[in-house]
N, C-alpha and C. Protein backbone atom coordinates (compact mmCIF):
# COMPACT_ATOMS: atom_id res chain seq x y z
N MET A 1 181.96 -40.81 -62.67
CA MET A 1 183.04 -40.60 -62.70
C MET A 1 183.88 -39.68 -62.53
N LYS A 2 183.20 -38.33 -62.13
CA LYS A 2 184.18 -37.20 -61.81
C LYS A 2 184.14 -37.35 -60.21
N LYS A 3 183.36 -37.58 -59.83
CA LYS A 3 183.58 -37.60 -58.78
C LYS A 3 184.91 -38.68 -57.98
N MET A 4 185.02 -39.95 -59.10
CA MET A 4 186.26 -40.73 -58.85
C MET A 4 187.36 -40.23 -59.03
N LEU A 5 187.37 -39.38 -59.91
CA LEU A 5 188.63 -39.06 -60.83
C LEU A 5 189.60 -37.52 -59.74
N PHE A 6 188.35 -37.13 -59.20
CA PHE A 6 188.61 -36.14 -58.13
C PHE A 6 188.97 -36.70 -56.85
N SER A 7 188.39 -37.95 -55.96
CA SER A 7 188.98 -38.66 -54.86
C SER A 7 190.17 -39.25 -55.43
N LEU A 8 190.77 -39.51 -56.70
CA LEU A 8 191.84 -40.23 -56.77
C LEU A 8 193.23 -38.70 -57.23
N LEU A 9 193.02 -37.72 -57.23
CA LEU A 9 193.93 -36.58 -57.54
C LEU A 9 194.20 -35.93 -55.84
N VAL A 10 192.78 -36.30 -55.32
CA VAL A 10 192.66 -35.95 -53.59
C VAL A 10 193.99 -36.66 -53.06
N ALA A 11 193.89 -38.00 -53.35
CA ALA A 11 194.38 -39.37 -52.53
C ALA A 11 195.63 -38.59 -53.94
N GLY A 12 195.99 -38.74 -54.84
CA GLY A 12 197.58 -38.27 -55.39
C GLY A 12 198.15 -37.50 -54.51
N PHE A 13 197.37 -35.65 -54.78
CA PHE A 13 198.33 -34.97 -53.68
C PHE A 13 198.74 -35.00 -52.56
N ALA A 14 197.67 -36.64 -51.78
CA ALA A 14 197.79 -36.11 -50.06
C ALA A 14 199.20 -37.42 -50.39
N ALA A 15 199.09 -38.29 -51.29
CA ALA A 15 200.40 -39.20 -51.34
C ALA A 15 201.75 -38.62 -51.38
N PHE A 16 202.01 -37.73 -52.49
CA PHE A 16 202.97 -37.07 -53.28
C PHE A 16 203.45 -36.37 -52.44
N GLY A 17 202.47 -35.43 -51.44
CA GLY A 17 202.68 -34.49 -50.17
C GLY A 17 203.37 -35.28 -48.60
N ALA A 18 202.94 -36.89 -48.93
CA ALA A 18 203.14 -36.82 -47.63
C ALA A 18 204.97 -37.52 -48.01
N VAL A 19 205.09 -37.88 -48.96
CA VAL A 19 206.30 -38.39 -49.27
C VAL A 19 207.59 -37.35 -49.79
N ALA A 20 206.87 -36.14 -50.15
CA ALA A 20 207.68 -34.64 -50.59
C ALA A 20 208.26 -34.14 -48.51
N ALA A 21 206.95 -34.00 -47.96
CA ALA A 21 206.78 -33.90 -46.68
C ALA A 21 208.58 -34.82 -45.73
N GLU A 22 208.54 -35.86 -45.77
CA GLU A 22 209.60 -36.88 -45.53
C GLU A 22 211.35 -35.97 -46.26
N GLU A 23 211.18 -35.19 -47.60
CA GLU A 23 212.34 -35.38 -48.42
C GLU A 23 212.90 -34.11 -47.53
N GLN A 24 211.87 -33.05 -47.21
CA GLN A 24 211.63 -31.46 -47.08
C GLN A 24 211.86 -31.16 -45.54
N LYS A 25 212.20 -30.35 -45.20
CA LYS A 25 211.50 -29.38 -43.93
C LYS A 25 210.34 -28.50 -44.35
N GLU A 26 209.66 -27.66 -45.06
CA GLU A 26 209.41 -27.19 -45.26
C GLU A 26 208.26 -27.67 -47.21
N VAL A 27 207.40 -28.00 -47.07
CA VAL A 27 206.18 -28.22 -48.12
C VAL A 27 205.12 -27.06 -48.27
N SER A 28 204.72 -26.95 -49.27
CA SER A 28 203.22 -26.74 -49.57
C SER A 28 202.74 -27.31 -50.72
N TRP A 29 201.63 -27.34 -50.63
CA TRP A 29 200.87 -28.07 -51.24
C TRP A 29 199.55 -27.50 -51.16
N PRO A 30 198.78 -27.12 -52.63
CA PRO A 30 197.69 -27.24 -52.88
C PRO A 30 196.06 -27.51 -51.65
N VAL A 31 196.72 -29.34 -51.63
CA VAL A 31 195.66 -29.86 -50.81
C VAL A 31 196.60 -30.80 -49.62
N PHE A 32 196.33 -31.24 -48.49
CA PHE A 32 196.77 -31.95 -48.28
C PHE A 32 196.29 -32.74 -46.98
N LEU A 33 196.41 -34.45 -46.99
CA LEU A 33 195.56 -35.45 -46.34
C LEU A 33 195.85 -35.14 -44.37
N GLY A 34 195.40 -35.00 -43.43
CA GLY A 34 195.88 -35.14 -42.12
C GLY A 34 195.63 -36.37 -41.46
N LEU A 35 196.39 -37.26 -41.55
CA LEU A 35 196.37 -38.40 -40.78
C LEU A 35 196.93 -38.35 -39.37
N ASN A 36 198.51 -37.68 -39.24
CA ASN A 36 198.71 -38.00 -38.05
C ASN A 36 199.79 -36.37 -38.21
N ASP A 37 200.15 -36.31 -37.07
CA ASP A 37 201.04 -34.81 -36.73
C ASP A 37 202.22 -35.11 -37.74
N VAL A 38 202.35 -34.05 -38.31
CA VAL A 38 203.17 -33.59 -39.43
C VAL A 38 203.78 -32.29 -39.10
N ALA A 39 204.58 -31.95 -38.13
CA ALA A 39 205.04 -30.39 -37.42
C ALA A 39 205.48 -29.70 -38.75
N ASP A 40 206.35 -30.32 -39.35
CA ASP A 40 207.53 -29.43 -40.00
C ASP A 40 206.91 -28.95 -41.71
N VAL A 41 205.84 -29.25 -41.51
CA VAL A 41 205.17 -28.78 -43.05
C VAL A 41 204.22 -27.20 -42.82
N ASP A 42 204.53 -26.38 -43.89
CA ASP A 42 203.91 -25.55 -44.26
C ASP A 42 202.93 -25.64 -45.58
N LEU A 43 201.79 -25.00 -45.18
CA LEU A 43 200.48 -25.44 -46.32
C LEU A 43 200.22 -23.91 -46.26
N ILE A 44 200.06 -24.06 -48.02
CA ILE A 44 198.82 -23.05 -48.49
C ILE A 44 197.98 -23.63 -48.91
N GLY A 45 196.65 -23.81 -48.71
CA GLY A 45 195.33 -24.73 -49.42
C GLY A 45 194.69 -24.98 -48.23
N VAL A 46 194.10 -26.35 -48.82
CA VAL A 46 192.90 -27.06 -47.91
C VAL A 46 193.59 -28.17 -47.42
N ARG A 47 193.52 -28.16 -46.33
CA ARG A 47 193.94 -29.47 -45.24
C ARG A 47 192.56 -30.58 -44.99
N PHE A 48 192.81 -31.70 -45.70
CA PHE A 48 191.59 -32.08 -44.83
C PHE A 48 191.83 -33.28 -43.73
N ASN A 49 191.31 -33.24 -42.52
CA ASN A 49 191.78 -33.94 -41.37
C ASN A 49 191.03 -35.31 -40.72
N LEU A 50 191.54 -36.88 -41.44
CA LEU A 50 190.55 -37.65 -40.73
C LEU A 50 190.90 -38.07 -39.55
N TYR A 51 191.83 -37.42 -38.81
CA TYR A 51 192.32 -37.95 -37.80
C TYR A 51 192.89 -36.74 -36.66
N ASN A 52 194.06 -35.93 -36.83
CA ASN A 52 194.85 -35.49 -36.23
C ASN A 52 195.72 -34.45 -36.72
N GLY A 53 195.45 -33.72 -37.80
CA GLY A 53 196.34 -32.64 -38.77
C GLY A 53 197.09 -31.97 -38.13
N HIS A 54 198.06 -31.76 -37.65
CA HIS A 54 199.61 -30.62 -37.20
C HIS A 54 200.07 -30.39 -38.46
N VAL A 55 200.12 -28.87 -38.47
CA VAL A 55 201.29 -28.16 -39.44
C VAL A 55 202.07 -27.34 -38.48
N ASP A 56 203.27 -26.62 -39.26
CA ASP A 56 203.73 -25.55 -38.43
C ASP A 56 202.81 -24.26 -39.12
N GLN A 57 202.88 -23.71 -40.03
CA GLN A 57 201.92 -22.84 -40.85
C GLN A 57 200.99 -23.10 -41.38
N MET A 58 199.64 -22.39 -41.64
CA MET A 58 199.09 -23.22 -42.67
C MET A 58 198.10 -21.38 -42.91
N THR A 59 198.03 -21.57 -44.94
CA THR A 59 196.81 -20.73 -44.82
C THR A 59 195.93 -20.85 -45.54
N GLY A 60 194.67 -21.11 -45.53
CA GLY A 60 193.66 -21.30 -45.99
C GLY A 60 192.35 -22.16 -45.25
N PHE A 61 191.73 -23.43 -45.87
CA PHE A 61 190.83 -24.00 -45.41
C PHE A 61 191.03 -25.34 -44.63
N ASP A 62 190.70 -25.36 -43.54
CA ASP A 62 190.84 -26.62 -42.35
C ASP A 62 189.75 -27.38 -41.98
N PHE A 63 189.50 -28.71 -42.84
CA PHE A 63 188.32 -29.36 -42.43
C PHE A 63 188.71 -30.61 -42.34
N GLY A 64 187.60 -31.17 -40.98
CA GLY A 64 187.88 -32.61 -40.63
C GLY A 64 187.56 -32.80 -39.47
N ILE A 65 188.21 -33.82 -38.12
CA ILE A 65 187.90 -33.83 -37.11
C ILE A 65 188.76 -32.95 -36.31
N ALA A 66 189.88 -32.97 -36.53
CA ALA A 66 190.89 -31.96 -34.92
C ALA A 66 191.81 -31.68 -35.98
N GLY A 67 192.27 -30.07 -35.83
CA GLY A 67 193.54 -29.21 -36.42
C GLY A 67 193.79 -28.59 -35.75
N HIS A 68 195.25 -28.67 -35.95
CA HIS A 68 196.27 -28.06 -35.41
C HIS A 68 197.18 -27.37 -36.15
N ALA A 69 197.63 -26.20 -35.82
CA ALA A 69 198.42 -25.45 -36.54
C ALA A 69 199.51 -23.97 -35.62
N ASN A 70 200.43 -24.01 -35.77
CA ASN A 70 201.18 -23.23 -34.75
C ASN A 70 201.10 -21.89 -35.39
N ASP A 71 200.96 -21.43 -36.77
CA ASP A 71 200.49 -20.40 -37.19
C ASP A 71 198.88 -20.19 -38.09
N PHE A 72 197.87 -20.09 -37.91
CA PHE A 72 196.67 -20.30 -39.05
C PHE A 72 196.18 -18.59 -39.12
N TYR A 73 196.12 -19.12 -40.67
CA TYR A 73 195.64 -18.06 -41.22
C TYR A 73 194.14 -18.30 -42.17
N GLY A 74 193.11 -18.17 -42.10
CA GLY A 74 191.64 -18.98 -42.79
C GLY A 74 190.63 -19.06 -42.04
N LEU A 75 190.32 -20.26 -42.43
CA LEU A 75 189.00 -20.88 -41.54
C LEU A 75 189.51 -22.60 -41.42
N GLN A 76 189.24 -22.94 -39.93
CA GLN A 76 189.45 -23.76 -39.68
C GLN A 76 187.53 -24.25 -39.12
N LEU A 77 187.54 -25.65 -39.51
CA LEU A 77 185.95 -26.43 -39.27
C LEU A 77 186.45 -27.61 -39.29
N ASN A 78 186.60 -27.71 -37.78
CA ASN A 78 186.97 -29.47 -37.70
C ASN A 78 185.72 -29.65 -36.77
N ILE A 79 185.19 -30.99 -36.74
CA ILE A 79 184.09 -31.68 -35.66
C ILE A 79 184.96 -30.93 -34.14
N ILE A 80 185.77 -31.51 -33.93
CA ILE A 80 186.43 -31.60 -32.42
C ILE A 80 186.61 -30.83 -32.17
N ARG A 81 187.84 -29.98 -32.45
CA ARG A 81 188.65 -29.41 -32.33
C ARG A 81 189.93 -28.86 -32.91
N ASN A 82 189.72 -27.42 -32.90
CA ASN A 82 190.72 -26.16 -33.63
C ASN A 82 191.59 -25.70 -32.79
N GLU A 83 192.94 -25.32 -33.26
CA GLU A 83 193.84 -25.28 -32.70
C GLU A 83 194.78 -24.39 -33.08
N ALA A 84 195.00 -23.12 -32.75
CA ALA A 84 196.21 -22.17 -33.05
C ALA A 84 197.24 -21.37 -32.05
N VAL A 85 198.45 -22.05 -32.41
CA VAL A 85 199.23 -22.05 -31.14
C VAL A 85 199.71 -20.33 -30.98
N ASP A 86 200.72 -20.04 -32.01
CA ASP A 86 201.18 -18.43 -31.77
C ASP A 86 199.99 -17.54 -32.31
N ILE A 87 199.12 -17.83 -33.94
CA ILE A 87 198.52 -16.41 -34.14
C ILE A 87 197.52 -17.19 -35.09
N LEU A 88 196.32 -17.06 -34.75
CA LEU A 88 194.97 -17.01 -35.56
C LEU A 88 194.41 -15.55 -35.85
N ALA A 89 194.38 -15.69 -37.55
CA ALA A 89 193.73 -14.32 -38.36
C ALA A 89 192.98 -15.27 -39.33
N GLY A 90 191.08 -15.46 -38.46
CA GLY A 90 190.52 -16.11 -39.08
C GLY A 90 189.26 -16.52 -38.67
N VAL A 91 188.95 -17.58 -38.55
CA VAL A 91 187.44 -18.02 -37.82
C VAL A 91 187.49 -19.34 -37.68
N GLN A 92 187.54 -19.86 -36.56
CA GLN A 92 187.34 -21.38 -36.20
C GLN A 92 185.44 -21.68 -35.90
N ILE A 93 185.23 -22.61 -36.04
CA ILE A 93 183.99 -23.24 -35.47
C ILE A 93 184.31 -24.67 -35.51
N GLY A 94 183.57 -25.30 -34.09
CA GLY A 94 183.73 -26.52 -33.98
C GLY A 94 183.37 -26.45 -32.67
N ILE A 95 183.64 -27.93 -31.99
CA ILE A 95 183.02 -28.04 -30.18
C ILE A 95 184.23 -27.24 -29.81
N TYR A 96 185.51 -27.44 -29.73
CA TYR A 96 186.53 -26.97 -28.91
C TYR A 96 187.52 -25.97 -29.21
N ASN A 97 187.56 -24.76 -29.49
CA ASN A 97 188.58 -24.10 -29.99
C ASN A 97 189.30 -23.31 -29.36
N SER A 98 190.68 -23.20 -29.98
CA SER A 98 191.88 -22.42 -29.20
C SER A 98 192.30 -21.68 -29.99
N ALA A 99 192.87 -20.91 -29.34
CA ALA A 99 193.97 -19.75 -29.78
C ALA A 99 195.12 -19.47 -28.92
N GLY A 100 195.05 -20.32 -27.89
CA GLY A 100 196.06 -20.72 -26.90
C GLY A 100 196.61 -20.01 -26.28
N ARG A 101 198.17 -19.59 -26.29
CA ARG A 101 199.10 -18.21 -26.25
C ARG A 101 198.89 -17.09 -26.89
N SER A 102 197.74 -17.51 -28.14
CA SER A 102 198.41 -16.51 -29.33
C SER A 102 197.60 -15.52 -29.08
N ASP A 103 197.37 -14.30 -30.26
CA ASP A 103 196.57 -13.13 -30.90
C ASP A 103 195.31 -13.88 -31.38
N MET A 104 194.16 -13.94 -31.64
CA MET A 104 192.86 -14.14 -32.12
C MET A 104 192.74 -12.88 -32.90
N LEU A 105 192.50 -13.11 -34.22
CA LEU A 105 191.80 -11.85 -34.71
C LEU A 105 190.92 -12.55 -35.71
N GLY A 106 189.59 -12.12 -35.07
CA GLY A 106 188.30 -12.92 -35.88
C GLY A 106 187.34 -13.51 -34.73
N PHE A 107 186.94 -14.63 -35.69
CA PHE A 107 185.88 -14.85 -34.70
C PHE A 107 185.80 -16.65 -34.40
N GLN A 108 185.61 -16.54 -33.13
CA GLN A 108 185.64 -18.32 -32.50
C GLN A 108 183.98 -19.08 -32.29
N GLY A 109 183.58 -19.85 -32.53
CA GLY A 109 182.28 -19.70 -32.79
C GLY A 109 182.07 -21.67 -32.15
N GLY A 110 182.08 -22.35 -31.35
CA GLY A 110 181.94 -23.37 -30.65
C GLY A 110 181.26 -23.58 -29.33
N LEU A 111 181.44 -24.71 -27.90
CA LEU A 111 180.87 -25.09 -27.22
C LEU A 111 181.86 -24.27 -26.35
N TRP A 112 183.13 -24.49 -26.22
CA TRP A 112 184.43 -23.93 -25.80
C TRP A 112 185.33 -23.49 -26.39
N ASN A 113 185.20 -21.45 -26.15
CA ASN A 113 186.43 -20.60 -26.99
C ASN A 113 187.54 -20.58 -25.91
N GLU A 114 188.60 -20.16 -26.26
CA GLU A 114 189.30 -19.67 -25.24
C GLU A 114 191.01 -19.29 -26.45
N ALA A 115 191.34 -18.27 -25.89
CA ALA A 115 192.15 -17.26 -26.29
C ALA A 115 193.33 -16.90 -25.61
N GLY A 116 194.43 -16.45 -25.91
CA GLY A 116 195.47 -15.00 -25.31
C GLY A 116 194.56 -13.95 -25.18
N SER A 117 194.46 -13.28 -26.53
CA SER A 117 193.94 -11.77 -26.64
C SER A 117 193.18 -12.14 -27.68
N VAL A 118 192.07 -11.55 -27.57
CA VAL A 118 190.88 -11.70 -28.44
C VAL A 118 190.82 -10.26 -29.19
N TYR A 119 190.80 -10.23 -30.49
CA TYR A 119 190.56 -8.81 -31.20
C TYR A 119 189.16 -8.90 -32.43
N GLY A 120 188.13 -9.10 -31.74
CA GLY A 120 187.19 -9.99 -32.66
C GLY A 120 185.80 -10.75 -31.76
N ILE A 121 185.25 -11.60 -32.34
CA ILE A 121 184.27 -12.40 -31.46
C ILE A 121 183.97 -13.65 -30.90
N GLN A 122 183.92 -13.92 -29.87
CA GLN A 122 183.78 -15.55 -29.18
C GLN A 122 182.11 -15.40 -28.90
N ALA A 123 181.69 -16.59 -29.78
CA ALA A 123 180.29 -17.22 -29.18
C ALA A 123 180.28 -18.20 -28.92
N GLY A 124 179.75 -19.11 -27.84
CA GLY A 124 179.91 -20.28 -27.47
C GLY A 124 179.15 -20.37 -25.82
N LEU A 125 179.02 -21.24 -25.56
CA LEU A 125 178.62 -21.89 -24.51
C LEU A 125 179.78 -21.19 -23.04
N VAL A 126 180.90 -21.30 -23.44
CA VAL A 126 182.12 -20.66 -22.31
C VAL A 126 183.17 -20.14 -23.27
N ASN A 127 183.74 -18.83 -22.87
CA ASN A 127 184.12 -18.02 -23.67
C ASN A 127 185.33 -17.36 -22.70
N LEU A 128 186.83 -18.31 -22.65
CA LEU A 128 187.77 -17.69 -22.08
C LEU A 128 188.81 -16.83 -22.98
N ALA A 129 189.33 -15.92 -22.21
CA ALA A 129 190.86 -15.44 -22.42
C ALA A 129 191.41 -14.16 -21.87
N ASP A 130 192.56 -14.30 -22.11
CA ASP A 130 193.84 -12.96 -21.33
C ASP A 130 192.88 -11.66 -21.25
N TYR A 131 192.88 -11.40 -22.74
CA TYR A 131 192.26 -10.02 -22.93
C TYR A 131 191.09 -9.76 -24.19
N SER A 132 190.26 -9.13 -24.13
CA SER A 132 189.63 -9.25 -25.22
C SER A 132 189.22 -7.47 -25.95
N ASP A 133 189.19 -7.30 -27.35
CA ASP A 133 188.59 -6.23 -27.39
C ASP A 133 187.83 -6.93 -28.61
N GLY A 134 186.39 -6.53 -28.04
CA GLY A 134 185.52 -7.32 -28.97
C GLY A 134 184.50 -7.52 -27.89
N PHE A 135 183.72 -9.15 -28.91
CA PHE A 135 182.56 -9.05 -28.26
C PHE A 135 182.79 -10.88 -27.34
N GLN A 136 182.02 -10.98 -26.14
CA GLN A 136 181.89 -12.72 -26.00
C GLN A 136 180.46 -12.39 -25.66
N ILE A 137 179.62 -13.61 -26.23
CA ILE A 137 178.76 -14.04 -26.40
C ILE A 137 178.58 -15.28 -25.80
N GLY A 138 177.93 -15.70 -24.91
CA GLY A 138 177.64 -16.92 -23.83
C GLY A 138 176.80 -17.16 -22.80
N LEU A 139 177.23 -18.53 -22.38
CA LEU A 139 176.68 -18.99 -21.01
C LEU A 139 177.56 -17.82 -19.96
N ILE A 140 179.12 -18.57 -19.99
CA ILE A 140 180.19 -17.83 -19.18
C ILE A 140 181.03 -17.48 -20.07
N ASN A 141 181.23 -16.47 -19.79
CA ASN A 141 182.16 -15.45 -20.14
C ASN A 141 183.24 -15.26 -19.11
N ARG A 142 184.89 -14.80 -19.85
CA ARG A 142 185.75 -14.48 -18.73
C ARG A 142 186.82 -14.05 -19.32
N THR A 143 187.38 -13.01 -18.70
CA THR A 143 188.49 -12.77 -19.55
C THR A 143 189.14 -11.47 -18.33
N GLU A 144 190.64 -11.57 -18.40
CA GLU A 144 191.13 -10.25 -17.34
C GLU A 144 190.87 -9.18 -17.67
N GLY A 145 191.29 -8.98 -18.98
CA GLY A 145 190.83 -7.01 -19.00
C GLY A 145 190.12 -6.82 -20.53
N MET A 146 189.09 -6.60 -20.65
CA MET A 146 188.30 -6.44 -21.66
C MET A 146 188.52 -4.89 -22.13
N HIS A 147 188.23 -4.40 -23.48
CA HIS A 147 187.49 -2.90 -23.91
C HIS A 147 186.66 -4.18 -25.30
N GLY A 148 185.46 -3.50 -24.58
CA GLY A 148 184.25 -4.22 -25.08
C GLY A 148 183.02 -4.76 -24.44
N TYR A 149 181.84 -5.87 -24.65
CA TYR A 149 180.94 -5.89 -24.21
C TYR A 149 180.91 -7.69 -24.34
N GLN A 150 180.10 -7.98 -22.28
CA GLN A 150 180.42 -9.70 -22.84
C GLN A 150 178.47 -9.82 -22.43
N ILE A 151 177.72 -10.47 -23.19
CA ILE A 151 176.83 -10.67 -23.05
C ILE A 151 176.07 -12.35 -22.70
N GLY A 152 175.63 -12.22 -21.42
CA GLY A 152 175.63 -14.12 -21.25
C GLY A 152 174.75 -14.27 -19.38
N ILE A 153 174.77 -15.39 -19.39
CA ILE A 153 174.62 -15.47 -18.03
C ILE A 153 175.62 -15.15 -17.07
N VAL A 154 176.89 -15.33 -16.80
CA VAL A 154 177.86 -15.35 -15.83
C VAL A 154 178.99 -14.75 -16.80
N ASN A 155 179.19 -13.14 -16.50
CA ASN A 155 180.12 -12.53 -17.02
C ASN A 155 181.03 -11.68 -16.51
N ILE A 156 182.33 -11.94 -16.44
CA ILE A 156 183.46 -11.77 -15.75
C ILE A 156 184.63 -11.09 -16.82
N ILE A 157 184.95 -9.75 -15.81
CA ILE A 157 186.02 -9.17 -16.47
C ILE A 157 187.02 -9.02 -15.55
N ARG A 158 188.15 -9.35 -14.84
CA ARG A 158 188.65 -9.08 -13.52
C ARG A 158 189.12 -8.18 -13.37
N ASP A 159 190.22 -7.21 -14.28
CA ASP A 159 190.40 -6.06 -14.06
C ASP A 159 189.78 -4.53 -14.67
N SER A 160 188.39 -4.98 -14.03
CA SER A 160 187.14 -3.96 -14.53
C SER A 160 186.68 -3.59 -12.90
N GLN A 161 186.14 -2.46 -12.80
CA GLN A 161 185.36 -1.60 -11.97
C GLN A 161 184.39 -2.69 -10.89
N VAL A 162 183.98 -3.27 -12.28
CA VAL A 162 182.42 -4.49 -12.27
C VAL A 162 182.86 -5.16 -12.93
N PRO A 163 183.73 -6.25 -11.45
CA PRO A 163 184.05 -7.59 -12.43
C PRO A 163 183.04 -8.69 -12.64
N PHE A 164 181.57 -8.79 -12.10
CA PHE A 164 180.96 -9.24 -12.38
C PHE A 164 179.42 -8.48 -12.50
N CYS A 165 178.98 -9.11 -13.71
CA CYS A 165 177.53 -8.55 -13.52
C CYS A 165 176.58 -9.73 -14.97
N PRO A 166 175.82 -10.35 -14.20
CA PRO A 166 175.02 -11.15 -15.25
C PRO A 166 174.20 -9.85 -15.99
N ILE A 167 174.02 -11.02 -17.33
CA ILE A 167 173.58 -10.71 -18.66
C ILE A 167 173.84 -10.23 -19.04
N ILE A 168 175.06 -8.59 -18.87
CA ILE A 168 175.44 -7.70 -20.13
C ILE A 168 176.87 -7.18 -18.63
N ASN A 169 177.81 -7.19 -19.29
CA ASN A 169 179.45 -6.51 -18.74
C ASN A 169 179.95 -5.38 -19.64
N ILE A 170 180.19 -4.61 -19.56
CA ILE A 170 181.18 -3.89 -20.53
C ILE A 170 182.49 -3.44 -19.88
N GLY A 171 183.44 -3.45 -20.49
CA GLY A 171 185.02 -3.10 -20.11
C GLY A 171 185.42 -1.98 -21.16
N PHE A 172 185.88 -1.23 -20.38
CA PHE A 172 186.48 -0.03 -21.34
C PHE A 172 188.17 0.02 -21.15
């Protein structure tokens, strides 16, 4: 009975949030159900993505299949893809994690991780960044400039005295 009431409550929040999102440009709700792209919603709370959810700015927890936000603060835990276009401050865990052209402050863990600037840790099979101030741990690690460490089979810091070094590479 409790599970049924909780399910109805979540469905009610999602339906009410979808109707309100059509009426206003910016809406903040504690629970949001992402079924398709809704680019003009600001969310503080929890988002469940059944297919592909898109919000402008999000603070909180993002769970599901694929999640997209322009600015993201919190935990993105989507199976296939996590994306923050402008700002990521938090954690992304999934198969493909992207902080796009943005600054990433926190942790990315998955098969493929990419970010504009990394201030934290990337851990996965492939880790890519324009600049990294922290750690990259994976099979392939590549960055243009780095202040930190890379641990993996292929480690590339293009603006370094030693641009390629297997096992461990250090950028100053």
